Amino acid sequence: MKQYLLSVHSVEGEPTPAADGMEQMFRDVEAFNERLRAVGAWVFAGGLHPATTATVVRTRGGEVLTTDGPFAETKEQLGGFWVIKAADLDEALKLAAEGSRACAGPVEVRPFQDEAED
């Protein structure tokens, strides 16, 4: 089975749900996680702290430079993700639709590159 990244995106400045809405979203996401496990699609998942907590590390001329804040200067940021196994893109898209409903946000689907043959 091929692996896919289902990435959840958020937009800075958009209102966040009230506490009861967030609690429902957490329950819905956990139910989706359980469904992924039940159908054998689960690999790994995680939610991320806001992009403002990011640190960018880059090496230039043998020197390591670090800067505070996200790499991309944009309002749209990665908020969380799932790594899943699916037979094909169609199956991954169906699971992404369930994930989008669960987290109440857009989910981008991208296949991982195939592993090199040994």
N, C-alpha and C. Protein backbone atom coordinates (compact mmCIF):
# COMPACT_ATOMS: atom_id res chain seq x y z
N MET A 1 0.84 -1.18 0.00
CA MET A 1 0.00 0.00 0.00
C MET A 1 0.89 1.25 0.00
N LYS A 2 0.44 2.24 -0.67
CA LYS A 2 1.15 3.51 -0.74
C LYS A 2 0.83 4.35 0.49
N GLN A 3 1.78 5.20 0.89
CA GLN A 3 1.54 6.10 2.01
C GLN A 3 1.22 7.49 1.49
N TYR A 4 0.31 8.17 2.20
CA TYR A 4 -0.12 9.52 1.86
C TYR A 4 -0.05 10.40 3.09
N LEU A 5 0.27 11.68 2.87
CA LEU A 5 0.22 12.68 3.91
C LEU A 5 -1.10 13.43 3.76
N LEU A 6 -1.90 13.42 4.81
CA LEU A 6 -3.11 14.22 4.85
C LEU A 6 -2.79 15.39 5.77
N SER A 7 -2.57 16.56 5.21
CA SER A 7 -2.18 17.70 6.02
C SER A 7 -3.36 18.64 6.22
N VAL A 8 -3.53 19.05 7.47
CA VAL A 8 -4.63 19.93 7.88
C VAL A 8 -4.10 21.36 7.89
N HIS A 9 -4.79 22.25 7.24
CA HIS A 9 -4.34 23.63 7.16
C HIS A 9 -5.28 24.55 7.93
N SER A 10 -4.69 25.59 8.49
CA SER A 10 -5.48 26.60 9.20
C SER A 10 -5.06 27.97 8.68
N VAL A 11 -5.90 28.95 8.92
CA VAL A 11 -5.63 30.31 8.48
C VAL A 11 -5.56 31.21 9.70
N GLU A 12 -4.39 31.85 9.87
CA GLU A 12 -4.24 32.77 10.99
C GLU A 12 -5.29 33.86 10.91
N GLY A 13 -5.83 34.22 12.06
CA GLY A 13 -6.81 35.29 12.10
C GLY A 13 -8.24 34.82 11.97
N GLU A 14 -8.46 33.60 11.49
CA GLU A 14 -9.83 33.08 11.43
C GLU A 14 -10.27 32.77 12.86
N PRO A 15 -11.52 33.02 13.17
CA PRO A 15 -11.97 32.75 14.54
C PRO A 15 -11.87 31.26 14.88
N THR A 16 -11.48 30.97 16.11
CA THR A 16 -11.42 29.59 16.56
C THR A 16 -12.76 29.22 17.16
N PRO A 17 -13.13 27.96 17.08
CA PRO A 17 -14.41 27.55 17.66
C PRO A 17 -14.44 27.77 19.17
N ALA A 18 -15.64 27.92 19.71
CA ALA A 18 -15.81 28.02 21.16
C ALA A 18 -15.36 26.71 21.80
N ALA A 19 -15.18 26.72 23.10
CA ALA A 19 -14.65 25.55 23.83
C ALA A 19 -15.45 24.29 23.53
N ASP A 20 -16.79 24.37 23.54
CA ASP A 20 -17.59 23.17 23.28
C ASP A 20 -17.41 22.70 21.84
N GLY A 21 -17.22 23.62 20.91
CA GLY A 21 -16.95 23.25 19.52
C GLY A 21 -15.61 22.56 19.37
N MET A 22 -14.60 23.06 20.09
CA MET A 22 -13.27 22.43 20.06
C MET A 22 -13.33 21.03 20.65
N GLU A 23 -14.05 20.87 21.75
CA GLU A 23 -14.18 19.55 22.37
C GLU A 23 -14.83 18.56 21.41
N GLN A 24 -15.86 19.01 20.69
CA GLN A 24 -16.52 18.14 19.71
C GLN A 24 -15.56 17.79 18.59
N MET A 25 -14.77 18.76 18.13
CA MET A 25 -13.81 18.49 17.06
C MET A 25 -12.78 17.46 17.53
N PHE A 26 -12.29 17.59 18.77
CA PHE A 26 -11.33 16.61 19.30
C PHE A 26 -11.95 15.22 19.34
N ARG A 27 -13.22 15.12 19.74
CA ARG A 27 -13.90 13.82 19.76
C ARG A 27 -14.04 13.26 18.34
N ASP A 28 -14.40 14.13 17.40
CA ASP A 28 -14.57 13.70 16.01
C ASP A 28 -13.24 13.23 15.42
N VAL A 29 -12.17 13.95 15.72
CA VAL A 29 -10.85 13.56 15.21
C VAL A 29 -10.42 12.23 15.83
N GLU A 30 -10.65 12.05 17.11
CA GLU A 30 -10.27 10.78 17.74
C GLU A 30 -11.10 9.63 17.15
N ALA A 31 -12.37 9.86 16.85
CA ALA A 31 -13.19 8.82 16.21
C ALA A 31 -12.64 8.50 14.82
N PHE A 32 -12.20 9.52 14.09
CA PHE A 32 -11.60 9.30 12.78
C PHE A 32 -10.29 8.52 12.93
N ASN A 33 -9.48 8.87 13.92
CA ASN A 33 -8.25 8.13 14.18
C ASN A 33 -8.54 6.65 14.45
N GLU A 34 -9.57 6.38 15.23
CA GLU A 34 -9.95 5.00 15.52
C GLU A 34 -10.40 4.29 14.25
N ARG A 35 -11.12 4.99 13.38
CA ARG A 35 -11.54 4.37 12.12
C ARG A 35 -10.32 4.03 11.26
N LEU A 36 -9.34 4.95 11.19
CA LEU A 36 -8.12 4.66 10.44
C LEU A 36 -7.43 3.41 10.98
N ARG A 37 -7.38 3.30 12.31
CA ARG A 37 -6.75 2.10 12.92
C ARG A 37 -7.54 0.84 12.56
N ALA A 38 -8.86 0.94 12.63
CA ALA A 38 -9.72 -0.22 12.39
C ALA A 38 -9.60 -0.75 10.96
N VAL A 39 -9.41 0.15 9.98
CA VAL A 39 -9.32 -0.29 8.59
C VAL A 39 -7.88 -0.53 8.16
N GLY A 40 -6.93 -0.38 9.08
CA GLY A 40 -5.53 -0.66 8.77
C GLY A 40 -4.82 0.44 8.00
N ALA A 41 -5.39 1.66 8.01
CA ALA A 41 -4.79 2.77 7.27
C ALA A 41 -3.88 3.64 8.14
N TRP A 42 -3.97 3.49 9.45
CA TRP A 42 -3.22 4.34 10.39
C TRP A 42 -1.72 4.08 10.31
N VAL A 43 -0.93 5.14 10.20
CA VAL A 43 0.51 5.07 10.33
C VAL A 43 0.94 5.98 11.48
N PHE A 44 0.54 7.26 11.40
CA PHE A 44 0.96 8.24 12.40
C PHE A 44 0.13 9.50 12.22
N ALA A 45 -0.07 10.26 13.29
CA ALA A 45 -0.77 11.54 13.18
C ALA A 45 -0.31 12.46 14.30
N GLY A 46 -0.54 13.75 14.11
CA GLY A 46 -0.19 14.70 15.16
C GLY A 46 -0.74 16.08 14.86
N GLY A 47 -1.05 16.78 15.93
CA GLY A 47 -1.44 18.18 15.84
C GLY A 47 -0.24 19.04 16.19
N LEU A 48 -0.18 20.22 15.65
CA LEU A 48 0.96 21.10 15.86
C LEU A 48 0.57 22.34 16.64
N HIS A 49 1.52 22.88 17.40
CA HIS A 49 1.33 24.17 18.04
C HIS A 49 1.29 25.23 16.95
N PRO A 50 0.85 26.45 17.27
CA PRO A 50 0.78 27.50 16.24
C PRO A 50 2.12 27.76 15.56
N ALA A 51 2.06 28.26 14.34
CA ALA A 51 3.27 28.52 13.56
C ALA A 51 4.20 29.51 14.24
N THR A 52 3.65 30.34 15.11
CA THR A 52 4.48 31.32 15.83
C THR A 52 5.49 30.64 16.75
N THR A 53 5.30 29.37 17.06
CA THR A 53 6.24 28.64 17.93
C THR A 53 7.38 27.99 17.14
N ALA A 54 7.34 28.12 15.82
CA ALA A 54 8.33 27.45 14.96
C ALA A 54 9.69 28.14 15.03
N THR A 55 10.72 27.36 14.77
CA THR A 55 12.08 27.87 14.59
C THR A 55 12.61 27.26 13.30
N VAL A 56 13.19 28.08 12.44
CA VAL A 56 13.74 27.62 11.18
C VAL A 56 15.25 27.49 11.34
N VAL A 57 15.78 26.34 10.93
CA VAL A 57 17.22 26.07 11.00
C VAL A 57 17.72 25.89 9.57
N ARG A 58 18.76 26.62 9.21
CA ARG A 58 19.36 26.45 7.88
C ARG A 58 20.87 26.56 8.01
N THR A 59 21.53 25.88 7.10
CA THR A 59 23.00 25.91 7.06
C THR A 59 23.43 26.66 5.80
N ARG A 60 24.29 27.65 6.01
CA ARG A 60 24.83 28.42 4.88
C ARG A 60 26.33 28.57 5.09
N GLY A 61 27.09 28.12 4.10
CA GLY A 61 28.53 28.23 4.19
C GLY A 61 29.11 27.56 5.42
N GLY A 62 28.51 26.44 5.82
CA GLY A 62 29.00 25.71 6.98
C GLY A 62 28.55 26.30 8.31
N GLU A 63 27.79 27.40 8.29
CA GLU A 63 27.31 28.04 9.50
C GLU A 63 25.83 27.73 9.69
N VAL A 64 25.44 27.45 10.92
CA VAL A 64 24.04 27.16 11.23
C VAL A 64 23.37 28.45 11.66
N LEU A 65 22.26 28.78 11.00
CA LEU A 65 21.49 29.97 11.33
C LEU A 65 20.10 29.54 11.78
N THR A 66 19.61 30.15 12.85
CA THR A 66 18.25 29.87 13.31
C THR A 66 17.48 31.18 13.36
N THR A 67 16.22 31.11 12.98
CA THR A 67 15.34 32.27 13.04
C THR A 67 14.01 31.85 13.66
N ASP A 68 13.41 32.75 14.42
CA ASP A 68 12.11 32.48 15.03
C ASP A 68 11.01 32.64 14.01
N GLY A 69 9.94 31.89 14.23
CA GLY A 69 8.77 32.01 13.38
C GLY A 69 8.77 30.98 12.27
N PRO A 70 7.65 30.90 11.56
CA PRO A 70 7.52 29.89 10.51
C PRO A 70 8.41 30.20 9.31
N PHE A 71 8.72 29.17 8.56
CA PHE A 71 9.51 29.32 7.33
C PHE A 71 8.75 30.16 6.31
N ALA A 72 7.50 29.81 6.09
CA ALA A 72 6.70 30.50 5.09
C ALA A 72 6.02 31.72 5.70
N GLU A 73 6.14 32.85 5.04
CA GLU A 73 5.48 34.08 5.47
C GLU A 73 4.10 34.12 4.83
N THR A 74 3.16 33.42 5.45
CA THR A 74 1.82 33.32 4.91
C THR A 74 0.82 33.16 6.05
N LYS A 75 -0.43 33.47 5.80
CA LYS A 75 -1.46 33.30 6.82
C LYS A 75 -1.90 31.84 6.92
N GLU A 76 -1.74 31.08 5.83
CA GLU A 76 -2.12 29.67 5.82
C GLU A 76 -0.95 28.85 6.35
N GLN A 77 -1.21 28.04 7.36
CA GLN A 77 -0.15 27.26 7.99
C GLN A 77 -0.62 25.83 8.22
N LEU A 78 0.36 24.93 8.33
CA LEU A 78 0.09 23.54 8.67
C LEU A 78 -0.30 23.46 10.13
N GLY A 79 -1.44 22.84 10.41
CA GLY A 79 -1.92 22.74 11.78
C GLY A 79 -1.83 21.34 12.35
N GLY A 80 -1.76 20.34 11.49
CA GLY A 80 -1.67 18.96 11.92
C GLY A 80 -1.64 18.06 10.71
N PHE A 81 -1.56 16.75 10.95
CA PHE A 81 -1.43 15.84 9.81
C PHE A 81 -1.74 14.41 10.22
N TRP A 82 -2.00 13.61 9.21
CA TRP A 82 -2.06 12.16 9.32
C TRP A 82 -1.13 11.59 8.26
N VAL A 83 -0.47 10.52 8.58
CA VAL A 83 0.21 9.70 7.57
C VAL A 83 -0.60 8.41 7.52
N ILE A 84 -1.10 8.09 6.33
CA ILE A 84 -1.96 6.92 6.19
C ILE A 84 -1.42 5.98 5.12
N LYS A 85 -1.94 4.77 5.12
CA LYS A 85 -1.71 3.81 4.04
C LYS A 85 -3.03 3.66 3.30
N ALA A 86 -2.97 3.70 1.98
CA ALA A 86 -4.17 3.51 1.17
C ALA A 86 -3.78 2.78 -0.11
N ALA A 87 -4.73 2.04 -0.64
CA ALA A 87 -4.47 1.27 -1.87
C ALA A 87 -4.17 2.19 -3.05
N ASP A 88 -4.84 3.35 -3.09
CA ASP A 88 -4.65 4.27 -4.21
C ASP A 88 -5.13 5.66 -3.81
N LEU A 89 -4.99 6.61 -4.73
CA LEU A 89 -5.37 7.99 -4.45
C LEU A 89 -6.86 8.12 -4.14
N ASP A 90 -7.70 7.38 -4.84
CA ASP A 90 -9.14 7.47 -4.59
C ASP A 90 -9.47 7.12 -3.14
N GLU A 91 -8.86 6.05 -2.64
CA GLU A 91 -9.09 5.65 -1.25
C GLU A 91 -8.57 6.73 -0.30
N ALA A 92 -7.39 7.29 -0.59
CA ALA A 92 -6.82 8.34 0.25
C ALA A 92 -7.73 9.58 0.27
N LEU A 93 -8.32 9.92 -0.88
CA LEU A 93 -9.21 11.07 -0.95
C LEU A 93 -10.48 10.85 -0.13
N LYS A 94 -11.01 9.64 -0.16
CA LYS A 94 -12.19 9.33 0.65
C LYS A 94 -11.88 9.47 2.13
N LEU A 95 -10.71 8.97 2.56
CA LEU A 95 -10.33 9.10 3.96
C LEU A 95 -10.08 10.57 4.31
N ALA A 96 -9.49 11.32 3.39
CA ALA A 96 -9.25 12.75 3.63
C ALA A 96 -10.56 13.51 3.82
N ALA A 97 -11.60 13.12 3.08
CA ALA A 97 -12.90 13.76 3.24
C ALA A 97 -13.44 13.52 4.64
N GLU A 98 -13.26 12.31 5.16
CA GLU A 98 -13.68 12.02 6.54
C GLU A 98 -12.85 12.83 7.53
N GLY A 99 -11.55 12.94 7.27
CA GLY A 99 -10.69 13.73 8.14
C GLY A 99 -11.06 15.20 8.12
N SER A 100 -11.41 15.72 6.96
CA SER A 100 -11.82 17.11 6.83
C SER A 100 -13.09 17.38 7.64
N ARG A 101 -14.04 16.46 7.56
CA ARG A 101 -15.26 16.61 8.37
C ARG A 101 -14.92 16.58 9.85
N ALA A 102 -14.02 15.67 10.24
CA ALA A 102 -13.69 15.52 11.66
C ALA A 102 -13.00 16.75 12.23
N CYS A 103 -12.07 17.33 11.48
CA CYS A 103 -11.30 18.46 12.02
C CYS A 103 -11.87 19.81 11.58
N ALA A 104 -12.92 19.78 10.78
CA ALA A 104 -13.60 21.00 10.32
C ALA A 104 -12.65 21.95 9.62
N GLY A 105 -11.77 21.39 8.78
CA GLY A 105 -10.83 22.22 8.03
C GLY A 105 -10.40 21.54 6.76
N PRO A 106 -9.71 22.29 5.90
CA PRO A 106 -9.23 21.70 4.65
C PRO A 106 -8.10 20.71 4.89
N VAL A 107 -8.09 19.65 4.10
CA VAL A 107 -7.06 18.61 4.20
C VAL A 107 -6.44 18.42 2.81
N GLU A 108 -5.14 18.59 2.73
CA GLU A 108 -4.41 18.38 1.48
C GLU A 108 -3.88 16.94 1.47
N VAL A 109 -3.98 16.28 0.33
CA VAL A 109 -3.52 14.89 0.17
C VAL A 109 -2.31 14.87 -0.74
N ARG A 110 -1.21 14.28 -0.24
CA ARG A 110 0.00 14.16 -1.07
C ARG A 110 0.61 12.78 -0.87
N PRO A 111 0.94 12.10 -1.97
CA PRO A 111 1.59 10.80 -1.84
C PRO A 111 3.06 10.97 -1.46
N PHE A 112 3.57 10.01 -0.70
CA PHE A 112 5.00 9.96 -0.44
C PHE A 112 5.68 9.41 -1.68
N GLN A 113 6.92 9.79 -1.87
CA GLN A 113 7.70 9.23 -2.96
C GLN A 113 7.91 7.76 -2.69
N ASP A 114 7.96 6.97 -3.75
CA ASP A 114 8.21 5.55 -3.61
C ASP A 114 9.63 5.34 -3.07
N GLU A 115 9.79 4.32 -2.24
CA GLU A 115 11.11 4.02 -1.72
C GLU A 115 11.97 3.45 -2.84
N ALA A 116 13.24 3.80 -2.82
CA ALA A 116 14.18 3.28 -3.82
C ALA A 116 14.37 1.79 -3.62
N GLU A 117 14.53 1.10 -4.72
CA GLU A 117 14.82 -0.33 -4.67
C GLU A 117 16.22 -0.56 -4.16
N ASP A 118 16.44 -1.56 -3.34
CA ASP A 118 17.79 -1.89 -2.83
C ASP A 118 18.57 -2.66 -3.85
